[in-house]
Amino acid sequence: MYRKCSVIANKISDIIDGEVDVATRLRFFSHLMICPKCIKYYNQFKLIKQAASEPDPDELPADFDKVMGFVMKEVDANEKHNTGPLKEN
């Protein structure tokens, strides 16, 4: 990785979020056209950001609140009794 690649890596999040000016976008995508390592990193980063984004409430199952309520009650009960998969040794 040369210096320009590290600059690109530092700008990826801002680029994806649309928080840079046109000149920066032009330099960024010009570099991607000649650097396969950076294009791979950029594509991986986009996938990670997409996967980490909050789901649209309309995409959640109809019983999401009911299921999460049950899960949270179980978590609270396990914390009180120190049982379950998160048991401290």
PDB file of N, CA and C in Angstrom:
ATOM      1  N   MET A   1       0.852  -1.180   0.000  1.00  0.00           N
ATOM      2  CA  MET A   1       0.000   0.000   0.000  1.00  0.00           C
ATOM      3  C   MET A   1       0.892   1.235   0.000  1.00  0.00           C
ATOM      4  N   TYR A   2       0.646   2.105  -0.940  1.00  0.00           N
ATOM      5  CA  TYR A   2       1.414   3.339  -0.942  1.00  0.00           C
ATOM      6  C   TYR A   2       0.585   4.471  -0.349  1.00  0.00           C
ATOM      7  N   ARG A   3       1.200   5.622  -0.172  1.00  0.00           N
ATOM      8  CA  ARG A   3       0.568   6.724   0.541  1.00  0.00           C
ATOM      9  C   ARG A   3      -0.826   7.040   0.021  1.00  0.00           C
ATOM     10  N   LYS A   4      -1.007   7.063  -1.281  1.00  0.00           N
ATOM     11  CA  LYS A   4      -2.310   7.408  -1.832  1.00  0.00           C
ATOM     12  C   LYS A   4      -3.378   6.405  -1.389  1.00  0.00           C
ATOM     13  N   CYS A   5      -3.006   5.140  -1.261  1.00  0.00           N
ATOM     14  CA  CYS A   5      -3.960   4.122  -0.797  1.00  0.00           C
ATOM     15  C   CYS A   5      -4.419   4.423   0.631  1.00  0.00           C
ATOM     16  N   SER A   6      -3.531   4.877   1.483  1.00  0.00           N
ATOM     17  CA  SER A   6      -3.935   5.183   2.857  1.00  0.00           C
ATOM     18  C   SER A   6      -4.878   6.383   2.884  1.00  0.00           C
ATOM     19  N   VAL A   7      -4.686   7.336   1.988  1.00  0.00           N
ATOM     20  CA  VAL A   7      -5.602   8.477   1.893  1.00  0.00           C
ATOM     21  C   VAL A   7      -6.977   7.984   1.445  1.00  0.00           C
ATOM     22  N   ILE A   8      -6.979   7.095   0.473  1.00  0.00           N
ATOM     23  CA  ILE A   8      -8.228   6.519  -0.017  1.00  0.00           C
ATOM     24  C   ILE A   8      -8.949   5.783   1.111  1.00  0.00           C
ATOM     25  N   ALA A   9      -8.230   4.970   1.843  1.00  0.00           N
ATOM     26  CA  ALA A   9      -8.828   4.198   2.941  1.00  0.00           C
ATOM     27  C   ALA A   9      -9.454   5.130   3.973  1.00  0.00           C
ATOM     28  N   ASN A  10      -8.836   6.260   4.231  1.00  0.00           N
ATOM     29  CA  ASN A  10      -9.358   7.204   5.218  1.00  0.00           C
ATOM     30  C   ASN A  10     -10.605   7.932   4.729  1.00  0.00           C
ATOM     31  N   LYS A  11     -10.836   7.956   3.424  1.00  0.00           N
ATOM     32  CA  LYS A  11     -11.973   8.680   2.853  1.00  0.00           C
ATOM     33  C   LYS A  11     -13.179   7.789   2.546  1.00  0.00           C
ATOM     34  N   ILE A  12     -13.020   6.472   2.626  1.00  0.00           N
ATOM     35  CA  ILE A  12     -14.079   5.566   2.173  1.00  0.00           C
ATOM     36  C   ILE A  12     -15.410   5.834   2.859  1.00  0.00           C
ATOM     37  N   SER A  13     -15.427   5.952   4.150  1.00  0.00           N
ATOM     38  CA  SER A  13     -16.683   6.170   4.863  1.00  0.00           C
ATOM     39  C   SER A  13     -17.341   7.478   4.427  1.00  0.00           C
ATOM     40  N   ASP A  14     -16.553   8.528   4.312  1.00  0.00           N
ATOM     41  CA  ASP A  14     -17.095   9.820   3.887  1.00  0.00           C
ATOM     42  C   ASP A  14     -17.636   9.751   2.462  1.00  0.00           C
ATOM     43  N   ILE A  15     -16.954   9.024   1.597  1.00  0.00           N
ATOM     44  CA  ILE A  15     -17.407   8.864   0.214  1.00  0.00           C
ATOM     45  C   ILE A  15     -18.752   8.138   0.186  1.00  0.00           C
ATOM     46  N   ILE A  16     -18.835   7.030   0.879  1.00  0.00           N
ATOM     47  CA  ILE A  16     -20.070   6.235   0.892  1.00  0.00           C
ATOM     48  C   ILE A  16     -21.226   7.042   1.469  1.00  0.00           C
ATOM     49  N   ASP A  17     -20.951   7.848   2.481  1.00  0.00           N
ATOM     50  CA  ASP A  17     -21.993   8.651   3.117  1.00  0.00           C
ATOM     51  C   ASP A  17     -22.307   9.936   2.357  1.00  0.00           C
ATOM     52  N   GLY A  18     -21.561  10.205   1.260  1.00  0.00           N
ATOM     53  CA  GLY A  18     -21.804  11.403   0.458  1.00  0.00           C
ATOM     54  C   GLY A  18     -21.387  12.684   1.132  1.00  0.00           C
ATOM     55  N   GLU A  19     -20.349  12.619   1.965  1.00  0.00           N
ATOM     56  CA  GLU A  19     -19.933  13.776   2.759  1.00  0.00           C
ATOM     57  C   GLU A  19     -18.672  14.458   2.231  1.00  0.00           C
ATOM     58  N   VAL A  20     -18.361  14.284   0.945  1.00  0.00           N
ATOM     59  CA  VAL A  20     -17.178  14.934   0.366  1.00  0.00           C
ATOM     60  C   VAL A  20     -17.578  15.734  -0.866  1.00  0.00           C
ATOM     61  N   ASP A  21     -16.707  16.659  -1.237  1.00  0.00           N
ATOM     62  CA  ASP A  21     -16.993  17.483  -2.410  1.00  0.00           C
ATOM     63  C   ASP A  21     -16.716  16.709  -3.703  1.00  0.00           C
ATOM     64  N   VAL A  22     -17.098  17.303  -4.815  1.00  0.00           N
ATOM     65  CA  VAL A  22     -16.974  16.655  -6.113  1.00  0.00           C
ATOM     66  C   VAL A  22     -15.515  16.364  -6.466  1.00  0.00           C
ATOM     67  N   ALA A  23     -14.617  17.284  -6.168  1.00  0.00           N
ATOM     68  CA  ALA A  23     -13.200  17.084  -6.490  1.00  0.00           C
ATOM     69  C   ALA A  23     -12.634  15.877  -5.732  1.00  0.00           C
ATOM     70  N   THR A  24     -12.997  15.736  -4.482  1.00  0.00           N
ATOM     71  CA  THR A  24     -12.523  14.598  -3.691  1.00  0.00           C
ATOM     72  C   THR A  24     -13.089  13.295  -4.251  1.00  0.00           C
ATOM     73  N   ARG A  25     -14.364  13.302  -4.613  1.00  0.00           N
ATOM     74  CA  ARG A  25     -14.976  12.112  -5.219  1.00  0.00           C
ATOM     75  C   ARG A  25     -14.267  11.735  -6.519  1.00  0.00           C
ATOM     76  N   LEU A  26     -13.948  12.720  -7.322  1.00  0.00           N
ATOM     77  CA  LEU A  26     -13.263  12.471  -8.592  1.00  0.00           C
ATOM     78  C   LEU A  26     -11.891  11.841  -8.361  1.00  0.00           C
ATOM     79  N   ARG A  27     -11.118  12.397  -7.420  1.00  0.00           N
ATOM     80  CA  ARG A  27      -9.797  11.827  -7.109  1.00  0.00           C
ATOM     81  C   ARG A  27      -9.935  10.407  -6.557  1.00  0.00           C
ATOM     82  N   PHE A  28     -10.916  10.224  -5.696  1.00  0.00           N
ATOM     83  CA  PHE A  28     -11.143   8.918  -5.075  1.00  0.00           C
ATOM     84  C   PHE A  28     -11.439   7.860  -6.140  1.00  0.00           C
ATOM     85  N   PHE A  29     -12.433   8.118  -6.983  1.00  0.00           N
ATOM     86  CA  PHE A  29     -12.825   7.115  -7.972  1.00  0.00           C
ATOM     87  C   PHE A  29     -11.792   6.970  -9.089  1.00  0.00           C
ATOM     88  N   SER A  30     -11.020   8.016  -9.347  1.00  0.00           N
ATOM     89  CA  SER A  30      -9.915   7.887 -10.305  1.00  0.00           C
ATOM     90  C   SER A  30      -8.875   6.908  -9.778  1.00  0.00           C
ATOM     91  N   HIS A  31      -8.595   6.978  -8.503  1.00  0.00           N
ATOM     92  CA  HIS A  31      -7.645   6.049  -7.897  1.00  0.00           C
ATOM     93  C   HIS A  31      -8.192   4.616  -7.955  1.00  0.00           C
ATOM     94  N   LEU A  32      -9.470   4.452  -7.674  1.00  0.00           N
ATOM     95  CA  LEU A  32     -10.055   3.109  -7.708  1.00  0.00           C
ATOM     96  C   LEU A  32      -9.932   2.476  -9.093  1.00  0.00           C
ATOM     97  N   MET A  33      -9.941   3.284 -10.124  1.00  0.00           N
ATOM     98  CA  MET A  33      -9.840   2.756 -11.486  1.00  0.00           C
ATOM     99  C   MET A  33      -8.483   2.116 -11.760  1.00  0.00           C
ATOM    100  N   ILE A  34      -7.469   2.490 -10.976  1.00  0.00           N
ATOM    101  CA  ILE A  34      -6.121   1.954 -11.228  1.00  0.00           C
ATOM    102  C   ILE A  34      -5.604   1.069 -10.100  1.00  0.00           C
ATOM    103  N   CYS A  35      -6.393   0.898  -9.047  1.00  0.00           N
ATOM    104  CA  CYS A  35      -5.885   0.160  -7.892  1.00  0.00           C
ATOM    105  C   CYS A  35      -6.857  -0.951  -7.476  1.00  0.00           C
ATOM    106  N   PRO A  36      -6.598  -2.180  -7.879  1.00  0.00           N
ATOM    107  CA  PRO A  36      -7.498  -3.284  -7.535  1.00  0.00           C
ATOM    108  C   PRO A  36      -7.618  -3.539  -6.033  1.00  0.00           C
ATOM    109  N   LYS A  37      -6.563  -3.286  -5.272  1.00  0.00           N
ATOM    110  CA  LYS A  37      -6.641  -3.501  -3.822  1.00  0.00           C
ATOM    111  C   LYS A  37      -7.626  -2.523  -3.186  1.00  0.00           C
ATOM    112  N   CYS A  38      -7.588  -1.276  -3.621  1.00  0.00           N
ATOM    113  CA  CYS A  38      -8.496  -0.280  -3.044  1.00  0.00           C
ATOM    114  C   CYS A  38      -9.936  -0.512  -3.479  1.00  0.00           C
ATOM    115  N   ILE A  39     -10.151  -0.926  -4.721  1.00  0.00           N
ATOM    116  CA  ILE A  39     -11.522  -1.210  -5.156  1.00  0.00           C
ATOM    117  C   ILE A  39     -12.094  -2.375  -4.360  1.00  0.00           C
ATOM    118  N   LYS A  40     -11.273  -3.377  -4.074  1.00  0.00           N
ATOM    119  CA  LYS A  40     -11.728  -4.509  -3.264  1.00  0.00           C
ATOM    120  C   LYS A  40     -12.072  -4.041  -1.852  1.00  0.00           C
ATOM    121  N   TYR A  41     -11.201  -3.219  -1.265  1.00  0.00           N
ATOM    122  CA  TYR A  41     -11.447  -2.688   0.084  1.00  0.00           C
ATOM    123  C   TYR A  41     -12.718  -1.836   0.105  1.00  0.00           C
ATOM    124  N   TYR A  42     -12.884  -0.996  -0.906  1.00  0.00           N
ATOM    125  CA  TYR A  42     -14.064  -0.138  -1.019  1.00  0.00           C
ATOM    126  C   TYR A  42     -15.341  -0.990  -1.091  1.00  0.00           C
ATOM    127  N   ASN A  43     -15.343  -2.008  -1.925  1.00  0.00           N
ATOM    128  CA  ASN A  43     -16.520  -2.870  -2.063  1.00  0.00           C
ATOM    129  C   ASN A  43     -16.824  -3.619  -0.772  1.00  0.00           C
ATOM    130  N   GLN A  44     -15.798  -4.089  -0.077  1.00  0.00           N
ATOM    131  CA  GLN A  44     -16.002  -4.765   1.207  1.00  0.00           C
ATOM    132  C   GLN A  44     -16.567  -3.796   2.241  1.00  0.00           C
ATOM    133  N   PHE A  45     -16.043  -2.588   2.261  1.00  0.00           N
ATOM    134  CA  PHE A  45     -16.492  -1.583   3.220  1.00  0.00           C
ATOM    135  C   PHE A  45     -17.951  -1.227   2.969  1.00  0.00           C
ATOM    136  N   LYS A  46     -18.342  -1.097   1.698  1.00  0.00           N
ATOM    137  CA  LYS A  46     -19.738  -0.807   1.370  1.00  0.00           C
ATOM    138  C   LYS A  46     -20.654  -1.914   1.890  1.00  0.00           C
ATOM    139  N   LEU A  47     -20.247  -3.158   1.719  1.00  0.00           N
ATOM    140  CA  LEU A  47     -21.055  -4.277   2.201  1.00  0.00           C
ATOM    141  C   LEU A  47     -21.186  -4.260   3.717  1.00  0.00           C
ATOM    142  N   ILE A  48     -20.088  -3.963   4.399  1.00  0.00           N
ATOM    143  CA  ILE A  48     -20.117  -3.899   5.866  1.00  0.00           C
ATOM    144  C   ILE A  48     -21.049  -2.792   6.342  1.00  0.00           C
ATOM    145  N   LYS A  49     -20.932  -1.611   5.738  1.00  0.00           N
ATOM    146  CA  LYS A  49     -21.800  -0.498   6.133  1.00  0.00           C
ATOM    147  C   LYS A  49     -23.259  -0.817   5.854  1.00  0.00           C
ATOM    148  N   GLN A  50     -23.519  -1.480   4.745  1.00  0.00           N
ATOM    149  CA  GLN A  50     -24.889  -1.847   4.397  1.00  0.00           C
ATOM    150  C   GLN A  50     -25.443  -2.846   5.406  1.00  0.00           C
ATOM    151  N   ALA A  51     -24.639  -3.823   5.761  1.00  0.00           N
ATOM    152  CA  ALA A  51     -25.079  -4.840   6.715  1.00  0.00           C
ATOM    153  C   ALA A  51     -25.285  -4.257   8.106  1.00  0.00           C
ATOM    154  N   ALA A  52     -24.519  -3.242   8.449  1.00  0.00           N
ATOM    155  CA  ALA A  52     -24.592  -2.661   9.789  1.00  0.00           C
ATOM    156  C   ALA A  52     -25.664  -1.594   9.925  1.00  0.00           C
ATOM    157  N   SER A  53     -26.261  -1.190   8.818  1.00  0.00           N
ATOM    158  CA  SER A  53     -27.262  -0.140   8.901  1.00  0.00           C
ATOM    159  C   SER A  53     -28.511  -0.663   9.601  1.00  0.00           C
ATOM    160  N   GLU A  54     -29.251   0.248  10.168  1.00  0.00           N
ATOM    161  CA  GLU A  54     -30.455  -0.147  10.892  1.00  0.00           C
ATOM    162  C   GLU A  54     -31.516  -0.629   9.908  1.00  0.00           C
ATOM    163  N   PRO A  55     -32.231  -1.667  10.276  1.00  0.00           N
ATOM    164  CA  PRO A  55     -33.285  -2.153   9.376  1.00  0.00           C
ATOM    165  C   PRO A  55     -34.454  -1.176   9.339  1.00  0.00           C
ATOM    166  N   ASP A  56     -35.138  -1.148   8.242  1.00  0.00           N
ATOM    167  CA  ASP A  56     -36.351  -0.365   8.092  1.00  0.00           C
ATOM    168  C   ASP A  56     -37.426  -1.048   8.939  1.00  0.00           C
ATOM    169  N   PRO A  57     -38.120  -0.312   9.809  1.00  0.00           N
ATOM    170  CA  PRO A  57     -39.142  -0.953  10.659  1.00  0.00           C
ATOM    171  C   PRO A  57     -40.180  -1.740   9.852  1.00  0.00           C
ATOM    172  N   ASP A  58     -40.431  -1.342   8.615  1.00  0.00           N
ATOM    173  CA  ASP A  58     -41.391  -2.064   7.791  1.00  0.00           C
ATOM    174  C   ASP A  58     -40.864  -3.424   7.354  1.00  0.00           C
ATOM    175  N   GLU A  59     -39.533  -3.633   7.455  1.00  0.00           N
ATOM    176  CA  GLU A  59     -38.933  -4.893   7.055  1.00  0.00           C
ATOM    177  C   GLU A  59     -38.880  -5.903   8.204  1.00  0.00           C
ATOM    178  N   LEU A  60     -39.190  -5.466   9.409  1.00  0.00           N
ATOM    179  CA  LEU A  60     -39.161  -6.364  10.560  1.00  0.00           C
ATOM    180  C   LEU A  60     -40.394  -7.254  10.559  1.00  0.00           C
ATOM    181  N   PRO A  61     -40.275  -8.462  11.086  1.00  0.00           N
ATOM    182  CA  PRO A  61     -41.451  -9.343  11.161  1.00  0.00           C
ATOM    183  C   PRO A  61     -42.534  -8.727  12.038  1.00  0.00           C
ATOM    184  N   ALA A  62     -43.764  -9.101  11.779  1.00  0.00           N
ATOM    185  CA  ALA A  62     -44.906  -8.541  12.512  1.00  0.00           C
ATOM    186  C   ALA A  62     -44.805  -8.788  14.012  1.00  0.00           C
ATOM    187  N   ASP A  63     -44.210  -9.917  14.407  1.00  0.00           N
ATOM    188  CA  ASP A  63     -44.126 -10.253  15.834  1.00  0.00           C
ATOM    189  C   ASP A  63     -42.783  -9.866  16.459  1.00  0.00           C
ATOM    190  N   PHE A  64     -42.057  -8.962  15.838  1.00  0.00           N
ATOM    191  CA  PHE A  64     -40.723  -8.578  16.316  1.00  0.00           C
ATOM    192  C   PHE A  64     -40.762  -8.077  17.756  1.00  0.00           C
ATOM    193  N   ASP A  65     -41.678  -7.158  18.063  1.00  0.00           N
ATOM    194  CA  ASP A  65     -41.749  -6.597  19.425  1.00  0.00           C
ATOM    195  C   ASP A  65     -42.050  -7.681  20.461  1.00  0.00           C
ATOM    196  N   LYS A  66     -42.945  -8.593  20.130  1.00  0.00           N
ATOM    197  CA  LYS A  66     -43.296  -9.676  21.042  1.00  0.00           C
ATOM    198  C   LYS A  66     -42.090 -10.579  21.297  1.00  0.00           C
ATOM    199  N   VAL A  67     -41.402 -10.962  20.227  1.00  0.00           N
ATOM    200  CA  VAL A  67     -40.228 -11.830  20.352  1.00  0.00           C
ATOM    201  C   VAL A  67     -39.124 -11.129  21.136  1.00  0.00           C
ATOM    202  N   MET A  68     -38.848  -9.858  20.822  1.00  0.00           N
ATOM    203  CA  MET A  68     -37.795  -9.131  21.539  1.00  0.00           C
ATOM    204  C   MET A  68     -38.150  -8.948  23.008  1.00  0.00           C
ATOM    205  N   GLY A  69     -39.442  -8.759  23.312  1.00  0.00           N
ATOM    206  CA  GLY A  69     -39.867  -8.667  24.708  1.00  0.00           C
ATOM    207  C   GLY A  69     -39.547  -9.949  25.460  1.00  0.00           C
ATOM    208  N   PHE A  70     -39.838 -11.080  24.829  1.00  0.00           N
ATOM    209  CA  PHE A  70     -39.544 -12.376  25.434  1.00  0.00           C
ATOM    210  C   PHE A  70     -38.039 -12.539  25.634  1.00  0.00           C
ATOM    211  N   VAL A  71     -37.257 -12.210  24.604  1.00  0.00           N
ATOM    212  CA  VAL A  71     -35.796 -12.338  24.689  1.00  0.00           C
ATOM    213  C   VAL A  71     -35.246 -11.469  25.814  1.00  0.00           C
ATOM    214  N   MET A  72     -35.715 -10.245  25.915  1.00  0.00           N
ATOM    215  CA  MET A  72     -35.205  -9.342  26.947  1.00  0.00           C
ATOM    216  C   MET A  72     -35.579  -9.835  28.344  1.00  0.00           C
ATOM    217  N   LYS A  73     -36.767 -10.427  28.505  1.00  0.00           N
ATOM    218  CA  LYS A  73     -37.139 -10.998  29.810  1.00  0.00           C
ATOM    219  C   LYS A  73     -36.194 -12.138  30.175  1.00  0.00           C
ATOM    220  N   GLU A  74     -35.848 -12.967  29.191  1.00  0.00           N
ATOM    221  CA  GLU A  74     -34.924 -14.074  29.425  1.00  0.00           C
ATOM    222  C   GLU A  74     -33.529 -13.556  29.776  1.00  0.00           C
ATOM    223  N   VAL A  75     -33.093 -12.526  29.087  1.00  0.00           N
ATOM    224  CA  VAL A  75     -31.777 -11.939  29.381  1.00  0.00           C
ATOM    225  C   VAL A  75     -31.762 -11.392  30.800  1.00  0.00           C
ATOM    226  N   ASP A  76     -32.815 -10.656  31.159  1.00  0.00           N
ATOM    227  CA  ASP A  76     -32.894 -10.105  32.520  1.00  0.00           C
ATOM    228  C   ASP A  76     -32.893 -11.215  33.571  1.00  0.00           C
ATOM    229  N   ALA A  77     -33.659 -12.278  33.310  1.00  0.00           N
ATOM    230  CA  ALA A  77     -33.723 -13.393  34.258  1.00  0.00           C
ATOM    231  C   ALA A  77     -32.360 -14.068  34.381  1.00  0.00           C
ATOM    232  N   ASN A  78     -31.679 -14.255  33.266  1.00  0.00           N
ATOM    233  CA  ASN A  78     -30.352 -14.885  33.293  1.00  0.00           C
ATOM    234  C   ASN A  78     -29.332 -14.018  34.023  1.00  0.00           C
ATOM    235  N   GLU A  79     -29.432 -12.712  33.844  1.00  0.00           N
ATOM    236  CA  GLU A  79     -28.500 -11.814  34.540  1.00  0.00           C
ATOM    237  C   GLU A  79     -28.728 -11.871  36.046  1.00  0.00           C
ATOM    238  N   LYS A  80     -29.990 -11.957  36.462  1.00  0.00           N
ATOM    239  CA  LYS A  80     -30.306 -12.013  37.891  1.00  0.00           C
ATOM    240  C   LYS A  80     -29.827 -13.309  38.528  1.00  0.00           C
ATOM    241  N   HIS A  81     -29.910 -14.405  37.773  1.00  0.00           N
ATOM    242  CA  HIS A  81     -29.540 -15.708  38.307  1.00  0.00           C
ATOM    243  C   HIS A  81     -28.168 -16.171  37.817  1.00  0.00           C
ATOM    244  N   ASN A  82     -27.528 -15.363  36.985  1.00  0.00           N
ATOM    245  CA  ASN A  82     -26.214 -15.678  36.454  1.00  0.00           C
ATOM    246  C   ASN A  82     -26.207 -17.070  35.803  1.00  0.00           C
ATOM    247  N   THR A  83     -27.205 -17.296  34.951  1.00  0.00           N
ATOM    248  CA  THR A  83     -27.310 -18.576  34.261  1.00  0.00           C
ATOM    249  C   THR A  83     -27.324 -18.342  32.761  1.00  0.00           C
ATOM    250  N   GLY A  84     -27.322 -19.406  32.016  1.00  0.00           N
ATOM    251  CA  GLY A  84     -27.425 -19.307  30.562  1.00  0.00           C
ATOM    252  C   GLY A  84     -26.071 -19.209  29.894  1.00  0.00           C
ATOM    253  N   PRO A  85     -26.075 -18.923  28.601  1.00  0.00           N
ATOM    254  CA  PRO A  85     -24.840 -18.948  27.818  1.00  0.00           C
ATOM    255  C   PRO A  85     -23.826 -17.879  28.233  1.00  0.00           C
ATOM    256  N   LEU A  86     -24.283 -16.863  28.942  1.00  0.00           N
ATOM    257  CA  LEU A  86     -23.358 -15.794  29.351  1.00  0.00           C
ATOM    258  C   LEU A  86     -22.898 -15.961  30.795  1.00  0.00           C
ATOM    259  N   LYS A  87     -23.060 -17.133  31.315  1.00  0.00           N
ATOM    260  CA  LYS A  87     -22.694 -17.420  32.717  1.00  0.00           C
ATOM    261  C   LYS A  87     -21.222 -17.120  32.955  1.00  0.00           C
ATOM    262  N   GLU A  88     -20.982 -16.399  34.041  1.00  0.00           N
ATOM    263  CA  GLU A  88     -19.596 -16.104  34.420  1.00  0.00           C
ATOM    264  C   GLU A  88     -19.027 -17.264  35.203  1.00  0.00           C
ATOM    265  N   ASN A  89     -17.787 -17.566  34.950  1.00  0.00           N
ATOM    266  CA  ASN A  89     -17.124 -18.665  35.677  1.00  0.00           C
ATOM    267  C   ASN A  89     -16.302 -18.114  36.822  1.00  0.00           C
TER     268      ASN A  89
END
